[in-house]
N, C-alpha and C. Protein backbone atom coordinates (compact mmCIF):
# COMPACT_ATOMS: atom_id res chain seq x y z
N UNK A 1 0.81 -1.19 0.00
CA UNK A 1 0.00 0.00 0.00
C UNK A 1 0.86 1.26 0.00
N UNK A 2 1.97 1.24 0.76
CA UNK A 2 2.86 2.41 0.83
C UNK A 2 3.49 2.67 -0.54
N UNK A 3 3.80 1.58 -1.28
CA UNK A 3 4.37 1.75 -2.62
C UNK A 3 3.37 2.41 -3.56
N UNK A 4 2.10 2.06 -3.43
CA UNK A 4 1.06 2.66 -4.26
C UNK A 4 0.92 4.15 -3.98
N UNK A 5 0.98 4.54 -2.72
CA UNK A 5 0.90 5.95 -2.36
C UNK A 5 2.11 6.70 -2.88
N UNK A 6 3.29 6.12 -2.76
CA UNK A 6 4.51 6.77 -3.24
C UNK A 6 4.47 6.94 -4.76
N UNK A 7 4.03 5.93 -5.48
CA UNK A 7 3.94 6.01 -6.94
C UNK A 7 2.85 7.01 -7.34
N UNK A 8 1.74 7.02 -6.62
CA UNK A 8 0.66 7.97 -6.91
C UNK A 8 1.06 9.40 -6.64
N UNK A 9 1.99 9.63 -5.73
CA UNK A 9 2.43 10.98 -5.40
C UNK A 9 3.34 11.58 -6.45
N UNK A 10 4.01 10.76 -7.25
CA UNK A 10 4.93 11.26 -8.28
C UNK A 10 4.19 12.04 -9.36
N UNK A 11 3.10 11.52 -9.95
CA UNK A 11 2.38 12.35 -10.94
C UNK A 11 1.83 13.65 -10.35
N UNK A 12 1.37 13.61 -9.11
CA UNK A 12 0.88 14.82 -8.45
C UNK A 12 2.00 15.84 -8.31
N UNK A 13 3.18 15.40 -7.91
CA UNK A 13 4.33 16.28 -7.76
C UNK A 13 4.74 16.87 -9.11
N UNK A 14 4.77 16.05 -10.14
CA UNK A 14 5.12 16.54 -11.49
C UNK A 14 4.07 17.54 -11.98
N UNK A 15 2.80 17.25 -11.75
CA UNK A 15 1.72 18.15 -12.19
C UNK A 15 1.85 19.52 -11.51
N UNK A 16 2.01 19.54 -10.18
CA UNK A 16 2.02 20.80 -9.43
C UNK A 16 3.32 21.58 -9.56
N UNK A 17 4.44 20.92 -9.79
CA UNK A 17 5.71 21.64 -9.82
C UNK A 17 6.25 21.88 -11.22
N UNK A 18 5.79 21.14 -12.22
CA UNK A 18 6.34 21.29 -13.57
C UNK A 18 5.26 21.68 -14.59
N UNK A 19 4.25 20.86 -14.74
CA UNK A 19 3.27 21.05 -15.81
C UNK A 19 2.37 22.26 -15.55
N UNK A 20 1.76 22.32 -14.38
CA UNK A 20 0.82 23.40 -14.08
C UNK A 20 1.48 24.78 -14.14
N UNK A 21 2.63 25.03 -13.51
CA UNK A 21 3.24 26.36 -13.61
C UNK A 21 3.68 26.73 -15.02
N UNK A 22 4.11 25.77 -15.82
CA UNK A 22 4.62 26.08 -17.15
C UNK A 22 3.52 26.30 -18.17
N UNK A 23 2.43 25.57 -18.06
CA UNK A 23 1.40 25.60 -19.11
C UNK A 23 0.06 26.20 -18.67
N UNK A 24 -0.15 26.40 -17.39
CA UNK A 24 -1.40 26.96 -16.90
C UNK A 24 -1.10 28.14 -15.98
N UNK A 25 -0.75 29.30 -16.56
CA UNK A 25 -0.47 30.46 -15.72
C UNK A 25 -1.69 30.84 -14.88
N UNK A 26 -1.45 31.28 -13.66
CA UNK A 26 -2.56 31.64 -12.78
C UNK A 26 -2.13 32.76 -11.84
N UNK A 27 -3.13 33.46 -11.30
CA UNK A 27 -2.90 34.52 -10.33
C UNK A 27 -3.98 34.43 -9.27
N UNK A 28 -3.60 34.65 -8.02
CA UNK A 28 -4.57 34.72 -6.94
C UNK A 28 -4.56 36.13 -6.38
N UNK A 29 -5.66 36.53 -5.76
CA UNK A 29 -5.78 37.87 -5.20
C UNK A 29 -6.42 37.78 -3.83
N UNK A 30 -5.91 38.58 -2.89
CA UNK A 30 -6.44 38.61 -1.54
C UNK A 30 -6.56 40.06 -1.08
N UNK A 31 -7.64 40.37 -0.40
CA UNK A 31 -7.81 41.68 0.22
C UNK A 31 -8.91 41.56 1.27
N UNK A 32 -9.04 42.60 2.07
CA UNK A 32 -10.05 42.59 3.11
C UNK A 32 -11.43 42.75 2.48
N UNK A 33 -12.46 42.11 3.04
CA UNK A 33 -13.80 42.26 2.46
C UNK A 33 -14.41 43.64 2.68
N UNK A 34 -14.05 44.32 3.77
CA UNK A 34 -14.51 45.68 4.02
C UNK A 34 -13.30 46.58 4.14
N UNK A 35 -13.32 47.66 3.37
CA UNK A 35 -12.20 48.61 3.36
C UNK A 35 -12.76 49.97 3.71
N UNK A 36 -12.13 50.65 4.63
CA UNK A 36 -12.63 51.92 5.13
C UNK A 36 -11.80 53.10 4.63
N UNK A 37 -11.19 52.95 3.48
CA UNK A 37 -10.38 54.01 2.89
C UNK A 37 -10.55 53.93 1.38
N UNK A 38 -10.06 54.91 0.66
CA UNK A 38 -10.16 54.86 -0.80
C UNK A 38 -8.93 54.23 -1.43
N UNK A 39 -7.96 53.78 -0.62
CA UNK A 39 -6.80 53.05 -1.12
C UNK A 39 -6.50 51.89 -0.17
N UNK A 40 -6.04 50.80 -0.76
CA UNK A 40 -5.73 49.63 0.06
C UNK A 40 -4.72 48.77 -0.68
N UNK A 41 -3.86 48.10 0.07
CA UNK A 41 -2.92 47.15 -0.52
C UNK A 41 -3.66 45.85 -0.81
N UNK A 42 -3.47 45.35 -2.03
CA UNK A 42 -4.02 44.06 -2.45
C UNK A 42 -2.82 43.19 -2.80
N UNK A 43 -2.89 41.91 -2.50
CA UNK A 43 -1.73 41.04 -2.71
C UNK A 43 -2.17 39.66 -3.15
N UNK A 44 -1.21 38.84 -3.52
CA UNK A 44 -1.52 37.48 -3.93
C UNK A 44 -0.30 36.75 -4.44
N UNK A 45 -0.56 35.69 -5.20
CA UNK A 45 0.51 34.89 -5.78
C UNK A 45 0.29 34.76 -7.28
N UNK A 46 1.33 34.38 -8.00
CA UNK A 46 1.20 34.11 -9.43
C UNK A 46 2.18 33.03 -9.84
N UNK A 47 1.80 32.26 -10.83
CA UNK A 47 2.67 31.24 -11.43
C UNK A 47 2.52 31.33 -12.94
N UNK A 48 3.53 31.14 -13.70
CA UNK A 48 4.90 30.85 -13.30
C UNK A 48 5.58 32.07 -12.71
N UNK A 49 6.45 31.85 -11.76
CA UNK A 49 7.16 32.94 -11.10
C UNK A 49 8.39 33.29 -11.92
N UNK A 50 8.15 33.99 -13.01
CA UNK A 50 9.25 34.40 -13.89
C UNK A 50 9.21 35.92 -14.04
N UNK A 51 10.35 36.48 -14.42
CA UNK A 51 10.46 37.93 -14.53
C UNK A 51 9.65 38.50 -15.69
N UNK A 52 9.31 37.70 -16.69
CA UNK A 52 8.55 38.23 -17.82
C UNK A 52 7.03 38.20 -17.58
N UNK A 53 6.59 37.83 -16.39
CA UNK A 53 5.18 37.89 -16.02
C UNK A 53 4.96 39.02 -15.03
N UNK A 54 3.86 39.75 -15.19
CA UNK A 54 3.51 40.83 -14.29
C UNK A 54 2.01 40.79 -13.99
N UNK A 55 1.64 41.37 -12.86
CA UNK A 55 0.24 41.42 -12.45
C UNK A 55 -0.27 42.84 -12.65
N UNK A 56 -1.46 42.97 -13.23
CA UNK A 56 -2.12 44.26 -13.39
C UNK A 56 -3.47 44.20 -12.68
N UNK A 57 -3.77 45.25 -11.95
CA UNK A 57 -5.02 45.32 -11.19
C UNK A 57 -6.05 46.19 -11.89
N UNK A 58 -7.29 45.75 -11.85
CA UNK A 58 -8.42 46.53 -12.35
C UNK A 58 -9.44 46.65 -11.23
N UNK A 59 -9.97 47.85 -11.03
CA UNK A 59 -11.01 48.08 -10.03
C UNK A 59 -12.30 48.43 -10.77
N UNK A 60 -13.36 47.73 -10.39
CA UNK A 60 -14.66 47.93 -11.02
C UNK A 60 -15.66 48.40 -9.96
N UNK A 61 -16.02 49.71 -9.98
CA UNK A 61 -17.06 50.16 -9.05
C UNK A 61 -18.43 49.72 -9.54
N UNK A 62 -19.23 49.21 -8.64
CA UNK A 62 -20.57 48.77 -9.02
C UNK A 62 -21.51 49.97 -8.96
N UNK A 63 -21.33 50.90 -9.92
CA UNK A 63 -22.14 52.12 -9.97
C UNK A 63 -22.92 52.22 -11.28
N UNK A 64 -23.15 51.08 -11.94
CA UNK A 64 -23.94 50.99 -13.17
C UNK A 64 -23.28 51.61 -14.39
N UNK A 65 -21.99 51.93 -14.34
CA UNK A 65 -21.30 52.47 -15.52
C UNK A 65 -20.52 51.41 -16.28
N UNK A 66 -20.30 50.25 -15.69
CA UNK A 66 -19.61 49.14 -16.33
C UNK A 66 -18.21 49.54 -16.80
N UNK A 67 -17.46 50.22 -15.95
CA UNK A 67 -16.08 50.61 -16.27
C UNK A 67 -15.12 49.86 -15.36
N UNK A 68 -13.97 49.54 -15.93
CA UNK A 68 -12.90 48.88 -15.19
C UNK A 68 -11.69 49.78 -15.26
N UNK A 69 -11.16 50.18 -14.12
CA UNK A 69 -10.06 51.14 -14.07
C UNK A 69 -8.74 50.42 -13.80
N UNK A 70 -7.83 50.52 -14.78
CA UNK A 70 -6.49 49.96 -14.62
C UNK A 70 -5.76 50.78 -13.57
N UNK A 71 -5.20 50.12 -12.58
CA UNK A 71 -4.50 50.81 -11.51
C UNK A 71 -3.09 51.17 -11.95
N UNK A 72 -2.51 52.16 -11.27
CA UNK A 72 -1.12 52.54 -11.56
C UNK A 72 -0.23 51.32 -11.46
N UNK A 73 0.75 51.29 -12.29
CA UNK A 73 1.64 50.13 -12.30
C UNK A 73 2.70 50.27 -11.21
N UNK A 74 2.25 50.14 -10.00
CA UNK A 74 3.17 50.23 -8.86
C UNK A 74 3.39 48.85 -8.23
N UNK A 75 2.98 47.81 -8.91
CA UNK A 75 3.03 46.48 -8.32
C UNK A 75 4.48 46.10 -8.02
N UNK A 76 4.66 45.27 -7.03
CA UNK A 76 5.98 44.79 -6.66
C UNK A 76 5.93 43.29 -6.48
N UNK A 77 6.99 42.64 -6.88
CA UNK A 77 7.15 41.21 -6.63
C UNK A 77 8.10 41.08 -5.45
N UNK A 78 7.58 40.68 -4.30
CA UNK A 78 8.40 40.63 -3.09
C UNK A 78 9.23 39.35 -3.04
N UNK A 79 8.59 38.25 -3.02
CA UNK A 79 9.27 36.96 -3.10
C UNK A 79 8.89 36.36 -4.43
N UNK A 80 9.67 35.46 -4.89
CA UNK A 80 9.39 34.85 -6.19
C UNK A 80 8.00 34.23 -6.17
N UNK A 81 7.10 34.76 -7.02
CA UNK A 81 5.76 34.22 -7.12
C UNK A 81 4.73 34.93 -6.26
N UNK A 82 5.12 35.97 -5.52
CA UNK A 82 4.15 36.75 -4.75
C UNK A 82 4.16 38.18 -5.26
N UNK A 83 3.05 38.87 -5.11
CA UNK A 83 2.95 40.24 -5.60
C UNK A 83 2.10 41.07 -4.64
N UNK A 84 2.26 42.39 -4.73
CA UNK A 84 1.45 43.34 -3.96
C UNK A 84 1.30 44.62 -4.77
N UNK A 85 0.16 45.28 -4.63
CA UNK A 85 -0.09 46.53 -5.35
C UNK A 85 -1.12 47.34 -4.58
N UNK A 86 -1.17 48.64 -4.84
CA UNK A 86 -2.18 49.52 -4.28
C UNK A 86 -3.40 49.53 -5.19
N UNK A 87 -4.57 49.45 -4.62
CA UNK A 87 -5.81 49.60 -5.38
C UNK A 87 -6.51 50.86 -4.88
N UNK A 88 -7.01 51.63 -5.82
CA UNK A 88 -7.71 52.88 -5.48
C UNK A 88 -9.20 52.68 -5.74
N UNK A 89 -10.01 52.98 -4.75
CA UNK A 89 -11.45 52.78 -4.82
C UNK A 89 -12.12 54.15 -4.94
N UNK A 90 -12.23 54.64 -6.16
CA UNK A 90 -12.82 55.95 -6.40
C UNK A 90 -11.93 57.04 -5.84
N UNK A 91 -12.52 58.10 -5.36
CA UNK A 91 -11.77 59.16 -4.70
C UNK A 91 -12.44 59.48 -3.37
N UNK A 92 -11.74 60.17 -2.48
CA UNK A 92 -12.30 60.41 -1.15
C UNK A 92 -13.60 61.19 -1.16
N UNK A 93 -13.79 62.08 -2.13
CA UNK A 93 -15.00 62.89 -2.18
C UNK A 93 -16.16 62.20 -2.90
N UNK A 94 -15.88 61.21 -3.72
CA UNK A 94 -16.91 60.51 -4.47
C UNK A 94 -17.53 61.36 -5.56
N UNK A 95 -16.80 62.30 -6.13
CA UNK A 95 -17.35 63.26 -7.09
C UNK A 95 -17.74 62.63 -8.43
N UNK A 96 -16.96 61.68 -8.93
CA UNK A 96 -17.21 61.16 -10.27
C UNK A 96 -18.00 59.85 -10.26
N UNK A 97 -18.76 59.59 -9.23
CA UNK A 97 -19.52 58.35 -9.13
C UNK A 97 -21.01 58.63 -9.27
N UNK A 98 -21.71 57.71 -9.90
CA UNK A 98 -23.14 57.92 -10.13
C UNK A 98 -24.00 57.54 -8.93
N UNK A 99 -23.45 56.74 -8.02
CA UNK A 99 -24.17 56.37 -6.81
C UNK A 99 -23.49 57.03 -5.61
N UNK A 100 -24.22 57.34 -4.56
CA UNK A 100 -23.58 57.91 -3.38
C UNK A 100 -22.78 56.85 -2.62
N UNK A 101 -21.83 57.32 -1.83
CA UNK A 101 -21.05 56.42 -0.99
C UNK A 101 -21.94 55.83 0.10
N UNK A 102 -21.70 54.66 0.61
CA UNK A 102 -20.61 53.75 0.25
C UNK A 102 -20.93 52.96 -1.01
N UNK A 103 -19.90 52.65 -1.75
CA UNK A 103 -20.03 51.84 -2.96
C UNK A 103 -19.43 50.46 -2.74
N UNK A 104 -19.83 49.55 -3.60
CA UNK A 104 -19.21 48.23 -3.63
C UNK A 104 -18.29 48.19 -4.84
N UNK A 105 -17.13 47.58 -4.66
CA UNK A 105 -16.13 47.48 -5.72
C UNK A 105 -15.74 46.03 -5.89
N UNK A 106 -15.34 45.72 -7.09
CA UNK A 106 -14.74 44.41 -7.38
C UNK A 106 -13.33 44.67 -7.89
N UNK A 107 -12.39 43.85 -7.45
CA UNK A 107 -11.00 44.00 -7.85
C UNK A 107 -10.62 42.75 -8.64
N UNK A 108 -10.04 42.98 -9.83
CA UNK A 108 -9.61 41.90 -10.70
C UNK A 108 -8.10 41.98 -10.89
N UNK A 109 -7.46 40.85 -10.88
CA UNK A 109 -6.02 40.78 -11.14
C UNK A 109 -5.82 39.99 -12.43
N UNK A 110 -5.01 40.56 -13.31
CA UNK A 110 -4.71 39.90 -14.59
C UNK A 110 -3.21 39.62 -14.64
N UNK A 111 -2.86 38.42 -15.01
CA UNK A 111 -1.47 38.04 -15.17
C UNK A 111 -1.12 38.20 -16.65
N UNK A 112 -0.15 39.07 -16.92
CA UNK A 112 0.24 39.30 -18.31
C UNK A 112 1.70 38.92 -18.50
N UNK A 113 2.00 38.60 -19.71
CA UNK A 113 3.39 38.28 -20.05
C UNK A 113 3.94 39.43 -20.87
N UNK A 114 5.07 39.95 -20.45
CA UNK A 114 5.70 41.06 -21.16
C UNK A 114 6.18 40.58 -22.53
N UNK A 115 6.02 41.44 -23.51
CA UNK A 115 6.51 41.08 -24.84
C UNK A 115 7.67 41.97 -25.22
N UNK A 116 8.52 41.48 -26.06
CA UNK A 116 9.67 42.23 -26.51
C UNK A 116 9.34 42.90 -27.84
N UNK A 117 9.73 44.15 -27.94
CA UNK A 117 9.53 44.88 -29.19
C UNK A 117 10.90 45.28 -29.71
N UNK A 118 11.16 44.92 -30.93
CA UNK A 118 12.45 45.29 -31.55
C UNK A 118 12.27 46.62 -32.25
N UNK A 119 12.90 47.66 -31.71
CA UNK A 119 12.85 48.99 -32.34
C UNK A 119 14.07 49.20 -33.21
N UNK A 120 13.87 49.87 -34.29
CA UNK A 120 15.01 50.11 -35.19
C UNK A 120 15.51 51.52 -35.05
């Protein structure tokens, strides 16, 4: 029985450490469910943990305008495969929003791969 478990663990190890990171890029996002400010740090993980991958944040206010706001590219990769960035939830005065405060927001993280451009 122990041999069966050991043999069964090898495909799982290969899947999680080789195949999944190389062929199935992914990003996770974590933040507090209630935020009492118009800015907050959002963080998570991404795979593959390579330098040519970056995370971009989009904030979507649920104010019936159906807009997604790309956040400033201030993201940082702290440890290999982890990231953190600031998300801005409207502005403190709420001037450009169609609904009064408080609003509900959704935050989306997109994992992108940098491309090389050859300039002449």
